[in-house]
Protein backbone atom coordinates (compact mmCIF):
# COMPACT_ATOMS: atom_id res chain seq x y z
CA MET A 1 89.33 88.25 87.79
CA PRO A 2 88.72 90.68 90.33
CA TRP A 3 90.11 90.82 93.94
CA THR A 4 87.81 89.34 96.75
CA LEU A 5 87.40 90.16 100.50
CA ASP A 6 86.36 87.23 102.67
CA ILE A 7 86.05 88.07 106.52
CA HIS A 8 85.30 84.95 108.60
CA THR A 9 84.66 85.45 112.22
CA ILE A 10 85.20 82.01 113.59
CA ASP A 11 82.71 80.95 116.11
CA VAL A 12 85.46 79.97 119.45
CA GLY A 13 82.38 79.64 122.04
CA VAL A 14 84.52 81.79 124.29
CA GLY A 15 87.26 84.51 122.71
CA GLU A 16 87.51 85.60 119.61
CA ALA A 17 88.77 84.08 116.16
CA THR A 18 88.73 86.23 112.50
CA LEU A 19 90.73 84.78 109.37
CA ILE A 20 90.45 87.71 106.75
CA VAL A 21 91.34 86.28 103.33
CA ILE A 22 92.27 88.68 100.19
CA ASP A 23 92.96 86.92 96.40
CA HIS A 24 93.24 87.97 92.93
CA PRO A 25 91.96 84.48 91.55
CA GLY A 26 95.14 83.72 88.45
CA THR A 27 97.70 85.99 89.91
CA ALA A 28 100.82 84.85 91.39
CA GLY A 29 101.15 86.69 95.27
CA ALA A 30 97.69 88.16 95.64
CA ARG A 31 96.25 85.83 98.09
CA ARG A 32 96.97 87.15 101.40
CA SER A 33 95.74 85.44 104.58
CA ILE A 34 96.11 86.76 108.32
CA LEU A 35 94.56 84.93 111.25
CA ILE A 36 93.74 86.91 113.90
CA ASP A 37 93.81 85.29 117.65
CA GLY A 38 92.23 81.82 118.46
CA GLY A 39 90.15 81.81 121.86
CA LEU A 40 91.51 79.77 124.40
CA SER A 41 93.25 76.76 124.06
CA ALA A 42 90.11 74.06 123.59
CA SER A 43 89.70 76.25 120.36
CA GLY A 44 93.13 75.04 118.82
CA PRO A 45 91.77 72.29 116.99
CA ILE A 46 87.98 74.31 115.78
CA VAL A 47 90.18 77.85 114.14
CA HIS A 48 92.27 74.87 112.14
CA ALA A 49 89.14 73.46 110.69
CA ALA A 50 87.90 76.91 109.89
CA VAL A 51 91.51 77.72 108.22
CA THR A 52 92.10 74.36 106.25
CA ALA A 53 88.28 75.05 105.11
CA ARG A 54 89.13 78.56 103.62
CA LEU A 55 92.37 78.48 102.33
CA PRO A 56 93.80 76.27 99.75
CA ALA A 57 94.78 72.37 100.42
CA ALA A 58 98.51 72.76 102.70
CA ALA A 59 98.17 76.61 102.59
CA GLY A 60 98.60 78.10 105.66
CA PRO A 61 98.04 81.69 107.09
CA ASP A 62 100.40 84.34 105.83
CA MET A 63 100.52 85.97 109.51
CA ILE A 64 98.96 85.13 112.45
CA LEU A 65 98.31 88.83 114.21
CA VAL A 66 97.81 88.07 118.10
CA THR A 67 96.09 91.00 119.73
CA HIS A 68 96.87 90.95 122.96
CA TYR A 69 97.70 88.59 125.51
CA ASP A 70 94.07 87.52 127.38
CA ILE A 71 94.27 83.78 127.45
CA ASP A 72 90.54 84.41 125.15
CA HIS A 73 92.88 85.65 122.64
CA SER A 74 96.21 84.07 122.19
CA ASP A 75 96.04 80.60 123.88
CA GLY A 76 94.21 78.82 120.89
CA ILE A 77 96.85 80.21 119.13
CA ALA A 78 99.39 78.28 121.08
CA SER A 79 97.37 75.23 120.78
CA LEU A 80 97.55 75.82 117.00
CA LEU A 81 101.63 76.28 116.87
CA PHE A 82 102.07 73.28 119.89
CA ALA A 83 100.24 71.10 117.24
CA ASP A 84 102.64 72.23 114.26
CA ASN A 85 105.24 71.92 116.41
CA LEU A 86 104.37 68.64 116.98
CA THR A 87 103.60 67.45 113.06
CA ALA A 88 106.35 68.72 112.41
CA LEU A 89 108.57 66.77 114.96
CA VAL A 90 106.43 63.60 113.68
CA ASP A 91 106.51 63.84 110.11
CA THR A 92 110.87 64.38 110.09
CA VAL A 93 111.38 61.49 112.02
CA ALA A 94 108.70 59.09 109.80
CA ALA A 95 110.24 60.80 107.06
CA VAL A 96 114.05 59.15 108.15
CA ALA A 97 112.46 56.31 109.39
CA ALA A 98 110.13 54.56 107.47
CA PRO A 99 112.47 54.03 103.56
CA TYR A 100 114.26 51.17 106.22
CA ALA A 101 111.77 48.83 105.42
CA VAL A 102 112.47 49.43 101.56
CA SER A 103 115.81 48.28 102.40
CA ALA A 104 115.48 45.47 105.17
CA MET A 105 113.01 43.94 102.63
CA ALA A 106 116.37 44.18 99.91
CA ALA A 107 118.27 42.91 102.71
CA GLY A 108 116.26 40.02 103.05
CA ALA A 109 117.75 37.94 106.10
CA GLY A 110 114.31 38.63 108.58
CA GLY A 111 111.43 39.42 106.91
CA ASP A 112 109.06 41.28 108.90
CA GLN A 113 111.64 41.29 112.26
CA GLU A 114 114.00 43.02 110.05
CA VAL A 115 111.90 45.50 108.85
CA ALA A 116 110.66 46.13 112.36
CA ALA A 117 114.36 46.85 113.79
CA ARG A 118 115.55 48.86 111.25
CA VAL A 119 112.83 51.07 110.61
CA ALA A 120 112.72 51.47 114.83
CA CYS A 121 116.69 52.01 114.94
CA ALA A 122 116.05 55.19 112.53
CA ALA A 123 113.65 56.48 114.38
CA TYR A 124 115.33 56.21 117.54
CA SER A 125 118.29 57.81 116.39
CA ALA A 126 116.20 60.35 114.14
CA MET A 127 114.92 61.66 117.32
CA ARG A 128 118.42 61.86 119.43
CA GLY A 129 120.37 64.08 116.42
CA SER A 130 119.90 62.02 113.36
CA TRP A 131 117.83 63.82 110.90
CA GLY A 132 117.79 66.09 108.33
CA PRO A 133 121.39 66.50 107.06
CA HIS A 134 122.45 63.75 109.10
CA ALA A 135 119.73 61.09 108.02
CA GLY A 136 122.99 59.47 106.80
CA GLU A 137 123.70 58.62 110.25
CA VAL A 138 120.85 56.53 110.80
CA ALA A 139 122.51 53.88 107.67
CA ALA A 140 125.94 53.67 110.41
CA ALA A 141 123.43 53.23 113.07
CA GLY A 142 121.69 50.29 111.26
CA GLY A 143 125.39 48.27 111.43
CA PRO A 144 124.42 46.04 114.76
CA LEU A 145 121.76 44.56 113.34
CA ALA A 146 124.03 42.90 111.23
CA GLY A 147 125.63 41.35 114.49
CA LEU A 148 122.33 39.48 115.01
CA ALA A 149 122.16 36.36 112.87
CA PRO A 150 119.35 36.56 110.71
CA ALA A 151 117.62 33.06 112.14
CA ALA A 152 117.72 35.32 115.62
CA LEU A 153 116.39 38.05 114.26
CA ALA A 154 113.88 35.82 112.56
CA ALA A 155 112.96 34.00 115.08
CA GLN A 156 111.65 36.95 117.67
CA SER A 157 108.41 38.53 117.94
CA ILE A 158 107.73 42.09 115.97
CA LEU A 159 108.16 43.58 119.30
CA GLN A 160 110.96 42.11 120.08
CA ALA A 161 112.82 42.94 117.10
CA ALA A 162 111.37 46.50 116.78
CA SER A 163 112.99 46.32 120.82
CA HIS A 164 116.10 45.65 119.44
CA GLY A 165 116.69 48.12 116.53
CA SER A 166 115.26 50.33 119.64
CA ALA A 167 118.53 49.18 121.44
CA ALA A 168 120.97 49.41 118.51
CA GLY A 169 119.54 52.91 118.09
CA SER A 170 120.64 53.87 121.52
CA ALA A 171 123.78 52.42 121.27
CA HIS A 172 125.32 54.72 118.06
CA GLU A 173 125.25 58.36 121.28
CA PRO A 174 125.21 60.83 120.40
CA TYR A 175 124.99 62.18 117.09
CA GLY A 176 126.57 65.44 117.44
CA VAL A 177 123.41 67.60 116.69
CA THR A 178 120.33 68.74 119.30
CA SER A 179 117.74 65.78 120.30
CA LEU A 180 114.23 66.71 119.38
CA VAL A 181 113.74 64.21 122.61
CA THR A 182 115.82 63.95 124.60
CA ALA A 183 113.32 61.38 127.39
CA PRO A 184 115.05 57.49 126.57
CA LYS A 185 112.15 56.03 127.98
CA LYS A 186 109.54 58.32 125.98
CA THR A 187 112.42 57.88 122.63
CA GLY A 188 112.38 54.56 123.02
CA ASP A 189 108.55 54.13 123.21
CA ALA A 190 108.16 55.89 120.35
CA ALA A 191 110.94 53.91 118.07
CA ARG A 192 109.29 50.55 119.08
CA ALA A 193 106.16 51.66 117.77
CA ALA A 194 107.13 53.40 115.03
CA GLY A 195 109.72 49.70 113.96
CA THR A 196 106.03 47.54 114.90
CA ALA A 197 103.99 49.79 112.59
CA ALA A 198 105.99 49.60 110.10
CA ALA A 199 106.04 45.93 110.07
CA ALA A 200 102.74 44.96 110.93
CA ALA A 201 102.03 47.39 107.28
CA TRP A 202 104.65 45.77 105.08
CA ALA A 203 102.90 42.94 106.19
CA ALA A 204 99.67 43.28 105.02
CA GLY A 205 100.26 45.15 102.14
CA ASN A 206 99.80 49.12 102.72
CA PRO A 207 102.00 51.80 102.66
CA VAL A 208 104.66 51.89 105.60
CA LEU A 209 105.48 55.96 105.83
CA PRO A 210 101.32 56.85 107.45
CA ALA A 211 101.72 53.85 109.72
CA VAL A 212 104.92 54.51 111.09
CA LYS A 213 103.50 58.46 111.40
CA ALA A 214 100.14 57.32 113.20
CA ALA A 215 102.55 55.16 115.79
CA LEU A 216 104.91 58.20 116.50
CA PHE A 217 101.98 60.95 117.08
CA THR A 218 100.52 58.10 119.20
CA GLN A 219 103.70 58.02 121.78
CA LEU A 220 105.23 61.65 120.99
CA GLN A 221 101.74 63.77 121.49
CA THR A 222 102.54 63.68 124.88
CA LEU A 223 104.96 66.34 124.15
CA VAL A 224 102.39 68.67 123.85
CA PRO A 225 99.58 70.14 125.73
CA PRO A 226 96.93 67.86 125.61
CA LEU A 227 94.48 70.76 123.79
CA ALA A 228 97.22 70.75 120.86
CA ARG A 229 97.21 67.26 120.49
CA PHE A 230 96.11 67.19 116.49
CA ASP A 231 97.63 67.34 112.81
CA THR A 232 98.15 70.41 111.42
CA GLY A 233 99.77 69.08 107.95
CA ARG A 234 102.70 71.38 109.14
CA ILE A 235 100.71 74.44 107.23
CA TYR A 236 101.59 77.46 109.63
CA ARG A 237 105.58 76.77 109.81
CA ASN A 238 106.85 79.42 107.81
CA THR A 239 103.30 81.96 109.10
CA ARG A 240 104.80 85.44 110.14
CA ILE A 241 103.93 86.22 113.83
CA ILE A 242 102.69 89.70 114.14
CA ASP A 243 101.61 90.35 117.79
CA ILE A 244 102.69 93.02 120.93
CA GLY A 245 105.98 92.12 122.12
CA ALA A 246 107.20 92.83 125.77
CA ALA A 247 104.82 95.44 125.67
CA THR A 248 102.81 93.13 128.39
CA ALA A 249 104.30 89.90 129.62
CA PRO A 250 103.19 87.07 127.34
CA LYS A 251 102.65 83.79 128.67
CA ALA A 252 105.42 81.19 128.78
CA THR A 253 103.62 78.92 127.09
CA TYR A 254 102.81 81.02 123.92
CA LEU A 255 106.39 82.01 123.49
CA THR A 256 107.24 78.06 123.32
CA ALA A 257 104.63 77.47 120.41
CA ALA A 258 105.53 80.44 118.78
CA ARG A 259 109.18 79.58 117.93
CA GLY A 260 108.50 76.64 117.25
CA SER A 261 109.51 74.61 120.39
CA LEU A 262 107.57 71.73 122.27
CA ASN A 263 106.41 72.06 125.71
CA THR A 264 108.46 69.31 127.17
CA GLY A 265 110.70 66.12 126.24
CA ALA A 266 113.51 68.56 124.25
CA PRO A 267 115.93 71.24 125.20
CA PRO A 268 114.65 74.72 125.96
CA GLY A 269 114.59 76.44 122.85
CA THR A 270 114.76 73.63 120.66
CA VAL A 271 112.78 74.84 117.53
CA MET A 272 111.38 71.79 115.47
CA PRO A 273 113.01 71.05 111.59
CA GLY A 274 111.54 73.24 109.53
CA VAL A 275 109.58 75.43 111.35
CA VAL A 276 110.96 79.16 110.59
CA ARG A 277 108.24 81.37 111.73
CA PRO A 278 109.81 85.18 112.21
CA ARG A 279 108.66 87.01 115.19
CA THR A 280 108.79 90.85 115.52
CA GLY A 281 110.53 91.61 118.87
CA ASN A 282 107.42 94.68 118.79
CA ALA A 283 103.95 95.82 117.82
CA PRO A 284 104.20 96.32 114.50
CA PRO A 285 103.95 100.29 113.70
CA LEU A 286 101.11 102.84 114.07
CA GLY A 287 99.87 102.77 110.33
CA ARG A 288 102.06 100.07 108.61
CA GLU A 289 100.24 97.97 106.36
CA LEU A 290 100.36 94.54 106.22
CA PHE A 291 99.09 92.15 103.23
CA TRP A 292 102.00 94.54 100.86
CA ASN A 293 104.76 95.51 103.31
CA GLY A 294 105.53 98.23 101.13
CA ALA A 295 105.42 96.12 98.30
CA PRO A 296 103.26 97.36 95.45
CA PRO A 297 99.81 94.78 95.31
CA PRO A 298 99.48 92.89 91.73
CA ALA A 299 96.98 93.88 90.26
CA ALA A 300 95.04 97.94 90.98
CA ASN A 301 91.71 98.15 93.62
CA ALA A 302 93.43 95.64 96.04
CA PRO A 303 92.76 95.36 100.04
CA TYR A 304 94.85 96.34 102.22
CA ALA A 305 95.27 95.79 106.72
CA VAL A 306 96.36 98.92 108.20
CA VAL A 307 97.31 98.79 111.85
CA VAL A 308 95.81 101.75 113.86
CA SER A 309 96.15 100.81 117.49
CA GLY A 310 98.83 99.38 119.31
CA PRO A 311 101.63 99.39 121.69
CA LEU A 312 104.76 101.71 121.30
CA PRO A 313 107.76 100.33 122.63
CA GLY A 314 108.58 101.15 126.15
CA VAL A 315 105.49 103.12 126.50
CA ALA A 316 102.86 102.21 129.72
CA MET A 317 99.52 103.15 127.57
CA GLY A 318 97.85 102.57 124.74
CA ARG A 319 98.20 104.55 121.26
CA VAL A 320 95.58 105.02 118.86
CA TRP A 321 97.13 106.43 114.96
CA GLN A 322 95.97 110.02 114.14
CA GLY A 323 97.36 110.54 110.58
CA VAL A 324 100.46 110.32 108.36
CA GLY A 325 102.99 112.32 109.97
CA VAL A 326 100.84 112.48 112.95
CA PRO A 327 101.86 111.81 116.56
CA PRO A 328 100.19 108.93 117.98
CA ALA A 329 97.87 109.44 121.01
CA GLY A 330 98.10 107.98 123.78
CA TYR A 331 95.26 107.28 126.06
CA ASN A 332 95.13 104.95 129.35
CA SER A 333 91.67 103.11 130.44
CA GLY A 334 92.99 101.66 133.44
CA ASP A 335 93.28 98.40 131.69
CA VAL A 336 97.10 97.96 130.37
CA ARG A 337 95.78 94.51 128.69
CA ASN A 338 93.19 95.45 126.79
CA ASP A 339 94.51 99.50 126.00
CA LYS A 340 97.49 97.98 123.93
CA SER A 341 95.40 95.58 121.80
CA ILE A 342 96.43 95.83 118.21
CA GLY A 343 94.16 97.15 115.98
CA LEU A 344 93.62 97.18 112.07
CA ILE A 345 91.11 99.06 109.56
CA ILE A 346 90.26 96.57 106.43
CA HIS A 347 89.90 98.91 103.25
CA PHE A 348 89.09 97.71 100.13
CA ASN A 349 88.24 100.60 98.19
CA ASP A 350 84.75 102.13 99.61
CA PHE A 351 84.54 99.19 102.19
CA MET A 352 85.62 99.72 105.03
CA TYR A 353 85.82 97.21 108.28
CA PHE A 354 87.63 97.39 111.91
CA THR A 355 88.24 94.72 114.32
CA ALA A 356 90.64 95.44 117.45
CA GLY A 357 90.65 92.70 119.76
CA ASP A 358 89.37 94.42 123.14
CA MET A 359 90.29 98.06 122.27
CA PRO A 360 88.22 99.67 125.05
CA PHE A 361 85.83 102.78 124.18
CA GLN A 362 88.62 105.19 125.11
CA GLY A 363 90.46 104.50 122.30
CA GLU A 364 87.81 104.09 119.60
CA ASP A 365 86.69 107.42 120.35
CA LEU A 366 90.13 108.78 119.60
CA LEU A 367 90.65 106.68 116.07
CA TYR A 368 87.14 107.90 114.38
CA PRO A 369 88.13 111.35 114.05
CA ALA A 370 91.01 110.24 112.62
CA LEU A 371 89.52 108.48 110.30
CA LEU A 372 87.07 111.17 108.83
CA ALA A 373 89.95 113.31 108.63
CA GLN A 374 92.89 111.53 107.78
CA ALA A 375 93.86 109.46 104.49
CA LEU A 376 94.72 106.23 105.57
CA PRO A 377 98.81 105.11 104.30
CA ASN A 378 99.59 102.77 101.59
CA GLY A 379 102.47 101.06 103.18
CA ALA A 380 104.86 102.79 100.84
CA GLY A 381 105.27 105.84 101.64
CA GLY A 382 101.63 107.19 99.63
CA THR A 383 98.19 107.30 100.90
CA LEU A 384 95.08 104.81 100.35
CA PRO A 385 91.90 107.13 98.70
CA ALA A 386 89.52 108.06 100.88
CA PRO A 387 86.63 106.05 100.45
CA ALA A 388 82.81 107.70 98.68
CA PRO A 389 81.04 107.81 101.68
CA PRO A 390 78.33 107.31 103.26
CA PRO A 391 79.46 105.63 105.41
CA PRO A 392 82.46 106.33 106.13
CA LEU A 393 83.68 102.40 108.15
CA VAL A 394 80.81 99.75 106.66
CA ALA A 395 80.76 97.03 108.65
CA PHE A 396 82.67 96.22 111.96
CA LYS A 397 83.65 93.64 115.16
CA CYS A 398 82.81 94.74 118.62
CA GLY A 399 85.21 95.70 120.34
CA HIS A 400 85.65 93.30 123.67
CA HIS A 401 83.03 90.95 122.75
CA GLY A 402 80.11 93.33 122.30
CA ALA A 403 81.00 94.29 126.90
CA ALA A 404 80.38 97.82 128.15
CA THR A 405 83.93 99.01 127.56
CA ALA A 406 83.64 99.47 124.22
CA THR A 407 81.33 101.05 121.31
CA THR A 408 80.20 104.36 122.00
CA ALA A 409 77.25 105.80 120.76
CA GLY A 410 79.33 108.14 119.74
CA MET A 411 81.62 106.05 117.37
CA LEU A 412 78.37 105.11 116.13
CA ALA A 413 77.55 108.14 115.13
CA ALA A 414 80.19 109.09 113.24
CA LEU A 415 81.06 106.01 111.34
CA GLN A 416 77.37 105.51 110.38
CA PRO A 417 78.44 101.12 110.05
CA LEU A 418 75.66 98.97 108.80
CA SER A 419 76.65 96.23 110.54
CA ALA A 420 78.75 94.54 113.45
CA HIS A 421 79.55 91.60 114.68
CA ILE A 422 80.27 90.00 118.13
CA SER A 423 82.39 87.48 119.05
CA CYS A 424 80.48 86.37 122.53
CA GLY A 425 80.39 83.73 124.44
CA GLY A 426 79.39 81.85 127.41
CA LEU A 427 81.29 83.87 130.67
CA TYR A 428 82.18 87.41 131.43
CA GLY A 429 78.57 88.49 129.98
CA HIS A 430 79.49 88.94 126.99
CA PRO A 431 77.28 90.51 125.06
CA PHE A 432 75.93 93.57 127.38
CA GLN A 433 72.74 94.31 127.28
CA ALA A 434 74.15 98.34 126.58
CA THR A 435 76.04 97.08 124.01
CA ILE A 436 72.93 95.87 122.42
CA ASN A 437 70.95 98.33 123.10
CA LEU A 438 73.24 101.01 121.38
CA LEU A 439 73.04 98.59 118.25
CA HIS A 440 69.42 97.77 118.68
CA ASN A 441 68.09 101.54 118.09
CA ASP A 442 71.11 102.81 116.22
CA PRO A 443 69.46 104.06 113.07
CA GLN A 444 72.46 102.79 110.77
CA ILE A 445 72.78 99.93 112.20
CA ASN A 446 70.58 97.22 110.21
CA SER A 447 71.70 94.05 111.27
CA PHE A 448 74.19 93.16 114.01
CA TYR A 449 75.48 89.23 113.75
CA MET A 450 76.48 87.05 116.98
CA THR A 451 78.13 84.03 116.79
CA ASN A 452 76.65 83.32 120.12
CA CYS A 453 74.84 84.37 122.50
CA ARG A 454 74.03 82.33 126.05
CA TYR A 455 72.03 85.02 127.99
CA ASN A 456 69.30 86.36 127.75
CA ARG A 457 69.18 89.75 125.95
CA ALA A 458 66.61 91.92 125.85
CA ASN A 459 65.80 93.14 122.01
CA VAL A 460 67.51 89.60 120.60
CA PRO A 461 64.37 87.55 120.33
CA ALA A 462 66.66 83.79 119.25
CA SER A 463 68.42 83.70 123.13
CA PRO A 464 67.91 81.36 125.29
CA ALA A 465 65.96 82.08 128.27
CA ALA A 466 69.08 81.45 130.81
CA LEU A 467 72.82 80.71 130.86
CA GLY A 468 73.17 77.64 129.44
CA GLY A 469 69.60 77.19 128.37
CA PRO A 470 68.36 75.81 125.31
CA PRO A 471 67.32 78.05 122.78
CA PRO A 472 63.95 78.42 121.51
CA ALA A 473 62.52 75.79 119.22
CA PRO A 474 62.32 77.25 115.78
CA GLY A 475 59.19 78.74 114.59
CA THR A 476 57.92 79.87 118.48
CA VAL A 477 60.71 83.46 119.35
CA ASP A 478 62.47 83.39 116.27
CA GLN A 479 64.59 85.80 115.08
CA TRP A 480 61.98 87.60 112.41
CA VAL A 481 59.91 88.69 114.42
CA ALA A 482 59.03 92.14 113.54
CA GLY A 483 62.55 95.52 113.79
CA ASN A 484 64.22 92.66 115.44
CA LYS A 485 68.72 93.18 113.98
CA ALA A 486 69.77 90.62 116.07
CA ARG A 487 70.71 87.60 114.29
CA ILE A 488 72.83 84.83 115.74
CA ALA A 489 74.56 82.44 113.69
CA GLY A 490 74.58 78.14 114.63
CA ASP A 491 72.73 76.51 116.86
CA ASN A 492 74.40 78.51 120.23
CA ALA A 493 74.95 75.14 121.40
CA VAL A 494 75.97 74.60 124.77
CA VAL A 495 79.56 73.61 124.18
CA ASN A 496 81.00 74.67 121.44
CA GLY A 497 83.24 71.70 119.96
CA ALA A 498 80.54 69.43 120.01
CA PRO A 499 80.87 67.45 116.99
CA MET A 500 77.80 67.48 114.11
CA ARG A 501 76.33 70.99 115.43
CA HIS A 502 75.89 74.00 113.27
CA ARG A 503 78.27 76.31 114.16
CA GLY A 504 78.15 80.23 114.37
CA ASP A 505 80.65 81.34 112.20
CA ILE A 506 79.76 84.62 110.39
CA SER A 507 80.86 85.72 106.90
CA ILE A 508 81.54 88.30 105.29
CA GLN A 509 82.21 88.40 100.82
CA VAL A 510 82.92 91.61 99.37
CA LEU A 511 83.90 91.79 95.34
CA GLU A 512 85.89 94.17 93.79
CA ALA A 513 82.87 95.59 91.85
CA THR A 514 80.71 96.02 94.66
CA SER A 515 82.66 97.98 96.77
CA MET A 516 83.18 100.50 94.46
CA GLY A 517 80.49 102.43 92.40
CA ALA A 518 78.04 104.25 92.84
CA VAL A 519 76.24 104.95 96.60
CA GLY A 520 73.34 102.16 96.43
CA ALA A 521 74.88 100.04 94.22
CA ARG A 522 77.91 98.84 96.03
CA SER A 523 76.97 95.98 98.69
CA TYR A 524 78.26 93.18 100.66
CA ASP A 525 76.72 89.56 101.88
CA THR A 526 77.41 88.16 104.88
CA ASP A 527 77.07 84.82 105.36
CA TYR A 528 75.63 82.86 108.91
CA PHE A 529 73.67 78.91 109.77
CA ASP A 530 70.26 80.80 110.16
CA GLU A 531 69.12 78.17 112.98
CA TYR A 532 66.07 80.34 113.20
CA PRO A 533 64.45 80.95 110.43
CA PRO A 534 60.23 81.81 110.44
CA ALA A 535 57.96 79.53 110.58
CA GLY A 536 57.47 77.02 107.94
CA ASN A 537 61.29 77.22 106.77
CA PRO A 538 63.82 74.74 107.36
CA PRO A 539 66.98 75.89 108.86
CA GLY A 540 69.64 76.14 106.81
CA LEU A 541 72.47 78.88 105.15
CA LEU A 542 71.37 81.99 104.65
CA GLN A 543 73.16 84.89 102.81
CA ALA A 544 72.40 88.20 103.44
CA THR A 545 73.06 91.36 100.77
CA GLN A 546 73.54 94.48 102.31
CA PRO A 547 73.72 97.25 99.67
CA TRP A 548 75.74 100.79 100.43
């Protein structure tokens, strides 16, 4: 089967998040995925839902790219990773403790109380060090349970039995390895909850493991920030982390989450079991290819992801790729955080897409002449074929959420993109009117898509009258007035995380066959939810096909 490229701009309300997935179905090792940024902390669950909807079950992204450390780009990633670390803790403890329900009933001594006591004992000792290769020590910790006569144990309530088991586990400390949870009260509460849940599930004939996991999660979720309290299925446990390193100072919480630790409740630096996230100390070199990392793709005509901007170690300014073997160009816009944003070109035969976080126009205007004059590297010592123009750049994401600090008329005129995406929001005035005007008046731009638009903007007929105002009723002032290029995706809800809303995600799909060929025969599709269709048409998913 042919290659596919999917670029999903995720509606995070404020900030930015994009998931890029390539695949050659049926070919082993062909699927690659990059999650770029994650919005604010509240966006963690939203981004996770988008990832799980677009990747196979139990599969996470191969890479997470944090373009820079502004909170509307990095805090949502920290939420995702904290949630993944919490899930690793809960899964580890539950996997050790739940099987002791079976051994308890095999002993036949104290009935449901025996289940509660043994599971609580095992849970406590697992949190305090008896996990992984040390899980066998839990069996020894169960010894004190034999010291209580079966009749006495059976006479206790389930909660008393669970407390007895928790105390038995505590009596056998230390276990010689790092504790996953250090606070005795938190450990005891979680162990008792696990034992009580196990006994209830066993008595009802239900599986014990899910009940133990749910009880542990309820007790242990306070070890991570409130917006990270969700189950990820541990799909980010091996994801490679790419960021700008120490080029600017990241938040301590981001570093804690990325390395696999909890926000509190464990010794500093303790990595949760099974979490192995490679993270380089510096931003990737300019010209580095990310999908294949120097290895040949498993089939011809594959997509590539080439780093074209980002910081260099020890250099206090932004740097932009200028060609193979050509020194990068440096610039300083006065905003050191945004200057150091990592930018990517997605190259898929004759299709090219550009995204670069909040990189300002000073960097963009240094980049586009190089893109016109130089072939991109393929990551294996060679170069990629030059796309067949027009246009040199087919689609792009507007820098800095559509602020006036990015996207110039010179860039549009030189690269001639056909469409643009803007990840907008209800803060900071994004998108700016100046950017809207540029896109609306550019002769090559056919459409520009916004994840929402909470500000009143000329040439965006579907935007509300004022910040936070209601969207117009369908069929009154809609997106389909003559000459309008603006498209607001989704329902433009004031509360981005509201349940059951029509989200403003925007997706580009490119197929191998439609990424190459004769001018005019190439095409790509853009999907979004159209809440404001022409009068007489119901809201719904819309797919726009753009030839070039």
